[in-house]
C-alpha atoms as a PDB file:
ATOM      1  CA  UNK A   1      80.557  76.311 125.647  1.00  0.00           C
ATOM      2  CA  UNK A   2      80.181  79.613 123.920  1.00  0.00           C
ATOM      3  CA  UNK A   3      79.646  79.926 120.212  1.00  0.00           C
ATOM      4  CA  UNK A   4      83.606  80.949 119.516  1.00  0.00           C
ATOM      5  CA  UNK A   5      84.641  78.249 121.608  1.00  0.00           C
ATOM      6  CA  UNK A   6      82.234  75.849 120.070  1.00  0.00           C
ATOM      7  CA  UNK A   7      83.463  77.124 115.951  1.00  0.00           C
ATOM      8  CA  UNK A   8      87.314  77.091 117.631  1.00  0.00           C
ATOM      9  CA  UNK A   9      86.248  72.866 118.083  1.00  0.00           C
ATOM     10  CA  UNK A  10      85.924  72.702 114.562  1.00  0.00           C
ATOM     11  CA  UNK A  11      88.964  74.276 113.346  1.00  0.00           C
ATOM     12  CA  UNK A  12      92.847  72.847 113.615  1.00  0.00           C
ATOM     13  CA  UNK A  13      94.483  76.341 114.950  1.00  0.00           C
ATOM     14  CA  UNK A  14      97.564  74.794 116.559  1.00  0.00           C
ATOM     15  CA  UNK A  15     100.464  74.826 114.151  1.00  0.00           C
ATOM     16  CA  UNK A  16     103.704  73.928 114.104  1.00  0.00           C
ATOM     17  CA  UNK A  17     106.115  76.685 112.917  1.00  0.00           C
ATOM     18  CA  UNK A  18     108.590  74.351 111.754  1.00  0.00           C
ATOM     19  CA  UNK A  19     106.286  72.572 109.574  1.00  0.00           C
ATOM     20  CA  UNK A  20     104.453  75.475 108.277  1.00  0.00           C
ATOM     21  CA  UNK A  21     108.199  76.841 107.402  1.00  0.00           C
ATOM     22  CA  UNK A  22     108.937  73.773 105.581  1.00  0.00           C
ATOM     23  CA  UNK A  23     105.728  73.526 103.362  1.00  0.00           C
ATOM     24  CA  UNK A  24     106.372  77.144 102.777  1.00  0.00           C
ATOM     25  CA  UNK A  25     110.009  76.609 101.661  1.00  0.00           C
ATOM     26  CA  UNK A  26     108.491  73.418  99.182  1.00  0.00           C
ATOM     27  CA  UNK A  27     106.096  75.268  97.543  1.00  0.00           C
ATOM     28  CA  UNK A  28     107.911  78.669  97.195  1.00  0.00           C
ATOM     29  CA  UNK A  29     111.105  76.414  95.948  1.00  0.00           C
ATOM     30  CA  UNK A  30     108.899  74.391  93.711  1.00  0.00           C
ATOM     31  CA  UNK A  31     106.132  76.985  92.407  1.00  0.00           C
ATOM     32  CA  UNK A  32     106.830  80.741  92.796  1.00  0.00           C
ATOM     33  CA  UNK A  33     108.942  80.375  89.001  1.00  0.00           C
ATOM     34  CA  UNK A  34     105.988  79.309  87.046  1.00  0.00           C
ATOM     35  CA  UNK A  35     104.482  82.690  88.324  1.00  0.00           C
ATOM     36  CA  UNK A  36     107.403  85.072  87.206  1.00  0.00           C
ATOM     37  CA  UNK A  37     105.223  86.134  84.187  1.00  0.00           C
ATOM     38  CA  UNK A  38     103.477  89.714  82.809  1.00  0.00           C
ATOM     39  CA  UNK A  39     100.316  88.056  83.051  1.00  0.00           C
ATOM     40  CA  UNK A  40     101.200  87.581  87.210  1.00  0.00           C
ATOM     41  CA  UNK A  41     102.152  91.145  87.513  1.00  0.00           C
ATOM     42  CA  UNK A  42      99.332  92.639  85.445  1.00  0.00           C
ATOM     43  CA  UNK A  43      97.229  89.975  87.722  1.00  0.00           C
ATOM     44  CA  UNK A  44      99.271  91.622  90.900  1.00  0.00           C
ATOM     45  CA  UNK A  45      98.728  95.558  90.052  1.00  0.00           C
ATOM     46  CA  UNK A  46      94.928  94.944  89.488  1.00  0.00           C
ATOM     47  CA  UNK A  47      94.574  93.719  93.023  1.00  0.00           C
ATOM     48  CA  UNK A  48      96.836  96.835  94.775  1.00  0.00           C
ATOM     49  CA  UNK A  49      95.306  98.617  97.118  1.00  0.00           C
ATOM     50  CA  UNK A  50      97.719 102.113  96.970  1.00  0.00           C
ATOM     51  CA  UNK A  51      98.287 103.020  99.911  1.00  0.00           C
ATOM     52  CA  UNK A  52      99.735 106.238 101.613  1.00  0.00           C
ATOM     53  CA  UNK A  53      99.507 106.924 105.199  1.00  0.00           C
ATOM     54  CA  UNK A  54     102.171 109.034 105.813  1.00  0.00           C
ATOM     55  CA  UNK A  55     101.845 111.621 109.321  1.00  0.00           C
ATOM     56  CA  UNK A  56     102.510 114.278 106.434  1.00  0.00           C
ATOM     57  CA  UNK A  57      99.592 113.590 104.035  1.00  0.00           C
ATOM     58  CA  UNK A  58      97.275 116.276 103.604  1.00  0.00           C
ATOM     59  CA  UNK A  59      94.436 117.185 100.945  1.00  0.00           C
ATOM     60  CA  UNK A  60      97.102 118.469  98.189  1.00  0.00           C
ATOM     61  CA  UNK A  61      99.390 115.164  98.479  1.00  0.00           C
ATOM     62  CA  UNK A  62      95.791 112.981  98.682  1.00  0.00           C
ATOM     63  CA  UNK A  63      94.249 114.498  95.521  1.00  0.00           C
ATOM     64  CA  UNK A  64      97.609 114.039  93.805  1.00  0.00           C
ATOM     65  CA  UNK A  65      97.875 110.562  94.451  1.00  0.00           C
ATOM     66  CA  UNK A  66      94.635 109.723  93.027  1.00  0.00           C
ATOM     67  CA  UNK A  67      94.965 112.118  90.156  1.00  0.00           C
ATOM     68  CA  UNK A  68      97.386 109.604  89.220  1.00  0.00           C
ATOM     69  CA  UNK A  69      95.316 106.748  89.589  1.00  0.00           C
ATOM     70  CA  UNK A  70      92.834 108.798  87.454  1.00  0.00           C
ATOM     71  CA  UNK A  71      96.048 108.859  84.625  1.00  0.00           C
ATOM     72  CA  UNK A  72      97.306 105.161  85.104  1.00  0.00           C
ATOM     73  CA  UNK A  73      94.615 103.878  81.598  1.00  0.00           C
ATOM     74  CA  UNK A  74      95.894 106.938  79.350  1.00  0.00           C
ATOM     75  CA  UNK A  75      99.821 106.748  80.838  1.00  0.00           C
ATOM     76  CA  UNK A  76      99.947 102.553  80.621  1.00  0.00           C
ATOM     77  CA  UNK A  77      97.602 101.670  78.341  1.00  0.00           C
ATOM     78  CA  UNK A  78      96.053  97.914  78.454  1.00  0.00           C
ATOM     79  CA  UNK A  79      97.329  97.573  81.792  1.00  0.00           C
ATOM     80  CA  UNK A  80      94.616  97.211  84.885  1.00  0.00           C
ATOM     81  CA  UNK A  81      94.589  99.784  86.971  1.00  0.00           C
ATOM     82  CA  UNK A  82      95.116  99.176  91.068  1.00  0.00           C
ATOM     83  CA  UNK A  83      91.991  97.779  93.429  1.00  0.00           C
ATOM     84  CA  UNK A  84      91.515 100.531  95.896  1.00  0.00           C
ATOM     85  CA  UNK A  85      93.333 103.792  97.066  1.00  0.00           C
ATOM     86  CA  UNK A  86      94.075 103.552 100.544  1.00  0.00           C
ATOM     87  CA  UNK A  87      94.221 106.239 102.612  1.00  0.00           C
ATOM     88  CA  UNK A  88      93.732 108.002 106.554  1.00  0.00           C
ATOM     89  CA  UNK A  89      89.851 108.521 107.286  1.00  0.00           C
ATOM     90  CA  UNK A  90      89.760 112.286 106.960  1.00  0.00           C
ATOM     91  CA  UNK A  91      90.426 111.904 103.120  1.00  0.00           C
ATOM     92  CA  UNK A  92      87.973 109.408 102.024  1.00  0.00           C
ATOM     93  CA  UNK A  93      86.112 112.597 100.969  1.00  0.00           C
ATOM     94  CA  UNK A  94      88.847 114.231  98.748  1.00  0.00           C
ATOM     95  CA  UNK A  95      89.345 110.494  97.441  1.00  0.00           C
ATOM     96  CA  UNK A  96      85.128 110.760  96.732  1.00  0.00           C
ATOM     97  CA  UNK A  97      85.647 113.585  94.760  1.00  0.00           C
ATOM     98  CA  UNK A  98      88.712 113.527  93.295  1.00  0.00           C
ATOM     99  CA  UNK A  99      88.497 110.296  92.205  1.00  0.00           C
ATOM    100  CA  UNK A 100      87.237 109.337  88.584  1.00  0.00           C
ATOM    101  CA  UNK A 101      87.846 105.619  87.984  1.00  0.00           C
ATOM    102  CA  UNK A 102      84.537 103.943  88.854  1.00  0.00           C
ATOM    103  CA  UNK A 103      86.353 100.622  89.762  1.00  0.00           C
ATOM    104  CA  UNK A 104      88.895 101.823  92.048  1.00  0.00           C
ATOM    105  CA  UNK A 105      87.586 101.848  95.934  1.00  0.00           C
ATOM    106  CA  UNK A 106      87.659 104.110  98.664  1.00  0.00           C
ATOM    107  CA  UNK A 107      89.247 102.606 101.378  1.00  0.00           C
ATOM    108  CA  UNK A 108      90.624 103.935 104.858  1.00  0.00           C
ATOM    109  CA  UNK A 109      92.174 102.729 108.119  1.00  0.00           C
ATOM    110  CA  UNK A 110      89.964 103.353 110.925  1.00  0.00           C
ATOM    111  CA  UNK A 111      89.153 102.326 114.471  1.00  0.00           C
ATOM    112  CA  UNK A 112      92.691 103.799 116.282  1.00  0.00           C
ATOM    113  CA  UNK A 113      94.443 102.696 113.355  1.00  0.00           C
ATOM    114  CA  UNK A 114      97.414 101.605 113.878  1.00  0.00           C
ATOM    115  CA  UNK A 115      96.990 100.744 117.647  1.00  0.00           C
ATOM    116  CA  UNK A 116      93.500  99.751 118.072  1.00  0.00           C
ATOM    117  CA  UNK A 117      93.593 101.222 121.784  1.00  0.00           C
ATOM    118  CA  UNK A 118      91.142 103.993 122.174  1.00  0.00           C
ATOM    119  CA  UNK A 119      87.089 103.654 123.231  1.00  0.00           C
ATOM    120  CA  UNK A 120      84.915 101.134 121.043  1.00  0.00           C
ATOM    121  CA  UNK A 121      82.795 104.536 120.709  1.00  0.00           C
ATOM    122  CA  UNK A 122      85.320 106.329 119.003  1.00  0.00           C
ATOM    123  CA  UNK A 123      86.165 103.893 116.932  1.00  0.00           C
ATOM    124  CA  UNK A 124      82.438 103.444 115.933  1.00  0.00           C
ATOM    125  CA  UNK A 125      82.127 107.057 115.331  1.00  0.00           C
ATOM    126  CA  UNK A 126      85.332 106.997 113.075  1.00  0.00           C
ATOM    127  CA  UNK A 127      84.241 104.323 111.063  1.00  0.00           C
ATOM    128  CA  UNK A 128      80.715 106.005 110.767  1.00  0.00           C
ATOM    129  CA  UNK A 129      81.922 109.456 109.784  1.00  0.00           C
ATOM    130  CA  UNK A 130      84.195 107.760 106.929  1.00  0.00           C
ATOM    131  CA  UNK A 131      81.392 105.754 105.396  1.00  0.00           C
ATOM    132  CA  UNK A 132      79.508 109.045 105.718  1.00  0.00           C
ATOM    133  CA  UNK A 133      81.946 110.720 103.830  1.00  0.00           C
ATOM    134  CA  UNK A 134      82.390 107.798 100.650  1.00  0.00           C
ATOM    135  CA  UNK A 135      84.468 105.040 101.868  1.00  0.00           C
ATOM    136  CA  UNK A 136      83.909 102.452 100.449  1.00  0.00           C
ATOM    137  CA  UNK A 137      86.358  99.369 102.168  1.00  0.00           C
ATOM    138  CA  UNK A 138      87.123  99.738 106.012  1.00  0.00           C
ATOM    139  CA  UNK A 139      90.328  98.192 107.338  1.00  0.00           C
ATOM    140  CA  UNK A 140      90.275  98.290 111.339  1.00  0.00           C
ATOM    141  CA  UNK A 141      93.309  96.556 113.672  1.00  0.00           C
ATOM    142  CA  UNK A 142      92.214  93.739 115.811  1.00  0.00           C
ATOM    143  CA  UNK A 143      92.510  95.326 119.313  1.00  0.00           C
ATOM    144  CA  UNK A 144      95.834  92.843 120.498  1.00  0.00           C
ATOM    145  CA  UNK A 145      95.414  93.774 124.382  1.00  0.00           C
ATOM    146  CA  UNK A 146      91.618  91.576 124.089  1.00  0.00           C
ATOM    147  CA  UNK A 147      93.439  89.131 122.140  1.00  0.00           C
ATOM    148  CA  UNK A 148      96.302  88.299 124.196  1.00  0.00           C
ATOM    149  CA  UNK A 149      94.151  88.255 127.670  1.00  0.00           C
ATOM    150  CA  UNK A 150      91.681  86.144 125.888  1.00  0.00           C
ATOM    151  CA  UNK A 151      88.865  88.070 126.145  1.00  0.00           C
ATOM    152  CA  UNK A 152      87.340  87.137 122.712  1.00  0.00           C
ATOM    153  CA  UNK A 153      83.970  87.979 123.867  1.00  0.00           C
ATOM    154  CA  UNK A 154      84.388  91.610 123.617  1.00  0.00           C
ATOM    155  CA  UNK A 155      86.797  91.468 121.000  1.00  0.00           C
ATOM    156  CA  UNK A 156      84.415  89.616 118.858  1.00  0.00           C
ATOM    157  CA  UNK A 157      81.338  91.879 120.327  1.00  0.00           C
ATOM    158  CA  UNK A 158      83.806  95.370 119.291  1.00  0.00           C
ATOM    159  CA  UNK A 159      84.248  94.095 115.723  1.00  0.00           C
ATOM    160  CA  UNK A 160      80.441  93.213 115.212  1.00  0.00           C
ATOM    161  CA  UNK A 161      79.801  96.170 115.944  1.00  0.00           C
ATOM    162  CA  UNK A 162      82.260  98.236 113.900  1.00  0.00           C
ATOM    163  CA  UNK A 163      81.010  95.980 111.585  1.00  0.00           C
ATOM    164  CA  UNK A 164      77.198  97.299 111.173  1.00  0.00           C
ATOM    165  CA  UNK A 165      78.919 100.540 111.811  1.00  0.00           C
ATOM    166  CA  UNK A 166      80.364  99.630 108.236  1.00  0.00           C
ATOM    167  CA  UNK A 167      77.285  99.737 106.790  1.00  0.00           C
ATOM    168  CA  UNK A 168      77.634  96.966 104.529  1.00  0.00           C
ATOM    169  CA  UNK A 169      80.914  98.241 103.276  1.00  0.00           C
ATOM    170  CA  UNK A 170      83.250  95.322 102.920  1.00  0.00           C
ATOM    171  CA  UNK A 171      85.241  94.637 106.315  1.00  0.00           C
ATOM    172  CA  UNK A 172      89.040  93.771 106.016  1.00  0.00           C
ATOM    173  CA  UNK A 173      90.805  93.216 109.964  1.00  0.00           C
ATOM    174  CA  UNK A 174      93.940  93.567 110.477  1.00  0.00           C
ATOM    175  CA  UNK A 175      95.837  91.148 113.120  1.00  0.00           C
ATOM    176  CA  UNK A 176      99.110  92.270 112.668  1.00  0.00           C
ATOM    177  CA  UNK A 177     100.723  88.974 112.373  1.00  0.00           C
ATOM    178  CA  UNK A 178     104.657  89.689 113.902  1.00  0.00           C
ATOM    179  CA  UNK A 179     102.911  90.624 117.214  1.00  0.00           C
ATOM    180  CA  UNK A 180     101.159  87.132 117.350  1.00  0.00           C
ATOM    181  CA  UNK A 181     103.801  85.189 118.293  1.00  0.00           C
ATOM    182  CA  UNK A 182     103.722  82.102 116.233  1.00  0.00           C
ATOM    183  CA  UNK A 183     101.449  79.755 113.590  1.00  0.00           C
ATOM    184  CA  UNK A 184      98.619  79.145 116.409  1.00  0.00           C
ATOM    185  CA  UNK A 185      98.561  82.852 117.344  1.00  0.00           C
ATOM    186  CA  UNK A 186      97.530  83.901 113.658  1.00  0.00           C
ATOM    187  CA  UNK A 187      95.414  80.346 112.724  1.00  0.00           C
ATOM    188  CA  UNK A 188      92.961  81.581 116.079  1.00  0.00           C
ATOM    189  CA  UNK A 189      93.231  84.930 114.929  1.00  0.00           C
ATOM    190  CA  UNK A 190      92.072  84.669 112.179  1.00  0.00           C
ATOM    191  CA  UNK A 191      89.409  82.560 112.721  1.00  0.00           C
ATOM    192  CA  UNK A 192      88.141  84.966 115.318  1.00  0.00           C
ATOM    193  CA  UNK A 193      88.142  87.992 112.977  1.00  0.00           C
ATOM    194  CA  UNK A 194      86.043  86.281 110.479  1.00  0.00           C
ATOM    195  CA  UNK A 195      83.317  84.793 113.295  1.00  0.00           C
ATOM    196  CA  UNK A 196      83.156  88.354 114.379  1.00  0.00           C
ATOM    197  CA  UNK A 197      82.234  89.718 110.836  1.00  0.00           C
ATOM    198  CA  UNK A 198      85.781  90.179 108.735  1.00  0.00           C
ATOM    199  CA  UNK A 199      85.081  90.176 105.023  1.00  0.00           C
ATOM    200  CA  UNK A 200      88.860  89.715 104.496  1.00  0.00           C
ATOM    201  CA  UNK A 201      91.883  89.442 107.037  1.00  0.00           C
ATOM    202  CA  UNK A 202      94.771  91.303 106.333  1.00  0.00           C
ATOM    203  CA  UNK A 203      98.468  90.494 107.758  1.00  0.00           C
ATOM    204  CA  UNK A 204      99.823  93.768 108.833  1.00  0.00           C
ATOM    205  CA  UNK A 205      99.475  97.745 109.325  1.00  0.00           C
ATOM    206  CA  UNK A 206     102.789  98.544 108.134  1.00  0.00           C
ATOM    207  CA  UNK A 207     103.868 100.030 111.356  1.00  0.00           C
ATOM    208  CA  UNK A 208     105.027  97.625 113.025  1.00  0.00           C
ATOM    209  CA  UNK A 209     108.652  96.725 113.227  1.00  0.00           C
ATOM    210  CA  UNK A 210     107.876  93.807 111.043  1.00  0.00           C
ATOM    211  CA  UNK A 211     104.833  93.204 108.715  1.00  0.00           C
ATOM    212  CA  UNK A 212     104.070  90.347 106.515  1.00  0.00           C
ATOM    213  CA  UNK A 213     105.428  87.025 106.422  1.00  0.00           C
ATOM    214  CA  UNK A 214     104.897  83.799 103.716  1.00  0.00           C
ATOM    215  CA  UNK A 215     103.975  81.642 106.713  1.00  0.00           C
ATOM    216  CA  UNK A 216     101.951  84.074 108.391  1.00  0.00           C
ATOM    217  CA  UNK A 217      99.988  84.128 104.746  1.00  0.00           C
ATOM    218  CA  UNK A 218      99.661  80.311 104.838  1.00  0.00           C
ATOM    219  CA  UNK A 219      98.236  79.953 107.819  1.00  0.00           C
ATOM    220  CA  UNK A 220      95.690  82.517 106.838  1.00  0.00           C
ATOM    221  CA  UNK A 221      95.380  80.899 103.526  1.00  0.00           C
ATOM    222  CA  UNK A 222      94.368  77.273 105.315  1.00  0.00           C
ATOM    223  CA  UNK A 223      92.136  78.965 107.627  1.00  0.00           C
ATOM    224  CA  UNK A 224      90.466  80.693 105.045  1.00  0.00           C
ATOM    225  CA  UNK A 225      89.994  77.440 102.596  1.00  0.00           C
ATOM    226  CA  UNK A 226      88.453  75.503 105.981  1.00  0.00           C
ATOM    227  CA  UNK A 227      86.113  78.212 106.768  1.00  0.00           C
ATOM    228  CA  UNK A 228      84.872  78.103 102.842  1.00  0.00           C
ATOM    229  CA  UNK A 229      84.811  74.210 103.205  1.00  0.00           C
ATOM    230  CA  UNK A 230      82.840  74.303 106.011  1.00  0.00           C
ATOM    231  CA  UNK A 231      80.170  77.200 105.535  1.00  0.00           C
ATOM    232  CA  UNK A 232      80.564  77.478 101.963  1.00  0.00           C
ATOM    233  CA  UNK A 233      81.877  81.359 102.379  1.00  0.00           C
ATOM    234  CA  UNK A 234      85.209  82.743 100.893  1.00  0.00           C
ATOM    235  CA  UNK A 235      86.787  84.948 102.715  1.00  0.00           C
ATOM    236  CA  UNK A 236      89.407  87.867 101.031  1.00  0.00           C
ATOM    237  CA  UNK A 237      93.000  88.162 102.178  1.00  0.00           C
ATOM    238  CA  UNK A 238      94.768  91.141 102.008  1.00  0.00           C
ATOM    239  CA  UNK A 239      99.412  91.087 102.403  1.00  0.00           C
ATOM    240  CA  UNK A 240     100.504  94.248 103.682  1.00  0.00           C
ATOM    241  CA  UNK A 241     103.995  95.440 105.380  1.00  0.00           C
ATOM    242  CA  UNK A 242     106.885  95.680 103.353  1.00  0.00           C
ATOM    243  CA  UNK A 243     105.642  94.294  99.732  1.00  0.00           C
ATOM    244  CA  UNK A 244     107.432  96.517  98.035  1.00  0.00           C
ATOM    245  CA  UNK A 245     108.958  94.429  95.390  1.00  0.00           C
ATOM    246  CA  UNK A 246     107.485  92.135  92.463  1.00  0.00           C
ATOM    247  CA  UNK A 247     109.509  89.301  93.837  1.00  0.00           C
ATOM    248  CA  UNK A 248     107.739  89.490  96.996  1.00  0.00           C
ATOM    249  CA  UNK A 249     104.408  90.067  95.460  1.00  0.00           C
ATOM    250  CA  UNK A 250     104.690  86.740  93.473  1.00  0.00           C
ATOM    251  CA  UNK A 251     106.140  85.064  96.636  1.00  0.00           C
ATOM    252  CA  UNK A 252     102.371  85.876  98.019  1.00  0.00           C
ATOM    253  CA  UNK A 253     100.669  85.532  94.875  1.00  0.00           C
ATOM    254  CA  UNK A 254     102.202  81.748  94.432  1.00  0.00           C
ATOM    255  CA  UNK A 255     100.930  81.052  98.533  1.00  0.00           C
ATOM    256  CA  UNK A 256      97.675  82.249  97.429  1.00  0.00           C
ATOM    257  CA  UNK A 257      97.053  80.006  94.608  1.00  0.00           C
ATOM    258  CA  UNK A 258      98.621  76.711  96.095  1.00  0.00           C
ATOM    259  CA  UNK A 259      96.410  77.020  99.654  1.00  0.00           C
ATOM    260  CA  UNK A 260      93.294  78.453  97.806  1.00  0.00           C
ATOM    261  CA  UNK A 261      93.189  78.435  93.686  1.00  0.00           C
ATOM    262  CA  UNK A 262      93.352  80.678  91.423  1.00  0.00           C
ATOM    263  CA  UNK A 263      89.625  81.880  92.488  1.00  0.00           C
ATOM    264  CA  UNK A 264      91.629  83.426  94.834  1.00  0.00           C
ATOM    265  CA  UNK A 265      93.406  85.443  92.356  1.00  0.00           C
ATOM    266  CA  UNK A 266      91.107  88.544  92.076  1.00  0.00           C
ATOM    267  CA  UNK A 267      90.786  91.549  94.160  1.00  0.00           C
ATOM    268  CA  UNK A 268      87.550  90.434  94.906  1.00  0.00           C
ATOM    269  CA  UNK A 269      89.570  88.145  97.592  1.00  0.00           C
ATOM    270  CA  UNK A 270      92.886  88.977  97.043  1.00  0.00           C
ATOM    271  CA  UNK A 271      94.758  92.616  98.167  1.00  0.00           C
ATOM    272  CA  UNK A 272      97.873  93.823  98.471  1.00  0.00           C
ATOM    273  CA  UNK A 273      98.280  96.816 100.299  1.00  0.00           C
ATOM    274  CA  UNK A 274     101.648  98.742  99.179  1.00  0.00           C
ATOM    275  CA  UNK A 275     102.720 102.384  98.205  1.00  0.00           C
ATOM    276  CA  UNK A 276     105.665 101.400  96.271  1.00  0.00           C
ATOM    277  CA  UNK A 277     104.618  98.083  94.677  1.00  0.00           C
ATOM    278  CA  UNK A 278     103.218 100.136  91.504  1.00  0.00           C
ATOM    279  CA  UNK A 279     106.543 101.313  90.181  1.00  0.00           C
ATOM    280  CA  UNK A 280     108.329  97.903  90.466  1.00  0.00           C
ATOM    281  CA  UNK A 281     105.692  96.441  88.695  1.00  0.00           C
ATOM    282  CA  UNK A 282     105.553  99.286  85.862  1.00  0.00           C
ATOM    283  CA  UNK A 283     109.085  99.002  85.638  1.00  0.00           C
ATOM    284  CA  UNK A 284     108.253  95.564  84.324  1.00  0.00           C
ATOM    285  CA  UNK A 285     105.748  96.095  81.989  1.00  0.00           C
ATOM    286  CA  UNK A 286     107.725  98.545  79.961  1.00  0.00           C
ATOM    287  CA  UNK A 287     111.225  96.808  80.037  1.00  0.00           C
END
């Protein structure tokens, strides 16, 4: 067996969709209410990657987004700031030059986002250029074609090469969970991304028909927990794609808390990618 097949044998990647749904429903039915509090809302706010990934984005619109983040502390005293600002790689320099908050990360999507359908060399070049322009975290998409074909060696090699191009910066690998068909596919893709060098695994691009689901997040959390138990290595989780309300954010917070524990409930290990959640949480704060 090759090295990935060897590690795959150690992980329970076969999952029953029905059983996963039953467990998730039980968690949410019994635990979610206890996390509907201002303290949790503040924690969630501090884990947001404030995102702008629109075809009409330009230097001026991204600069305004960053300036809004710069003013959060002044306009909302006592609130934490967001974890990061997530943009296309061509805007990394704008974020770097405009951002005044030291603890907010310059995050980019790269590697032919959102399809990942181009030459590996082009993906590496895009990541390298983004890092040179100030990107501190890189979100890439797992190539679905290679995964569906079972060409795991090529996929691992590509992600590993992109990881090298990150030059020590954080790498998040987007699984696009809605395209993985079932819970077992989500588990296997999660393990493959981690094995290839992902610091975080991420649910979705937000560009597919469906984004994150509680069931996919639960399976990803289980895999992360098992990996930590075996190798004493904590992998982060980023939920993205359709997370726009406080209720949705608390739902994912609850799953992470119940499966991975409170030590994961910080921006170093948990992120939510969203463009609208910031306003929803601010409304909660100001009631």
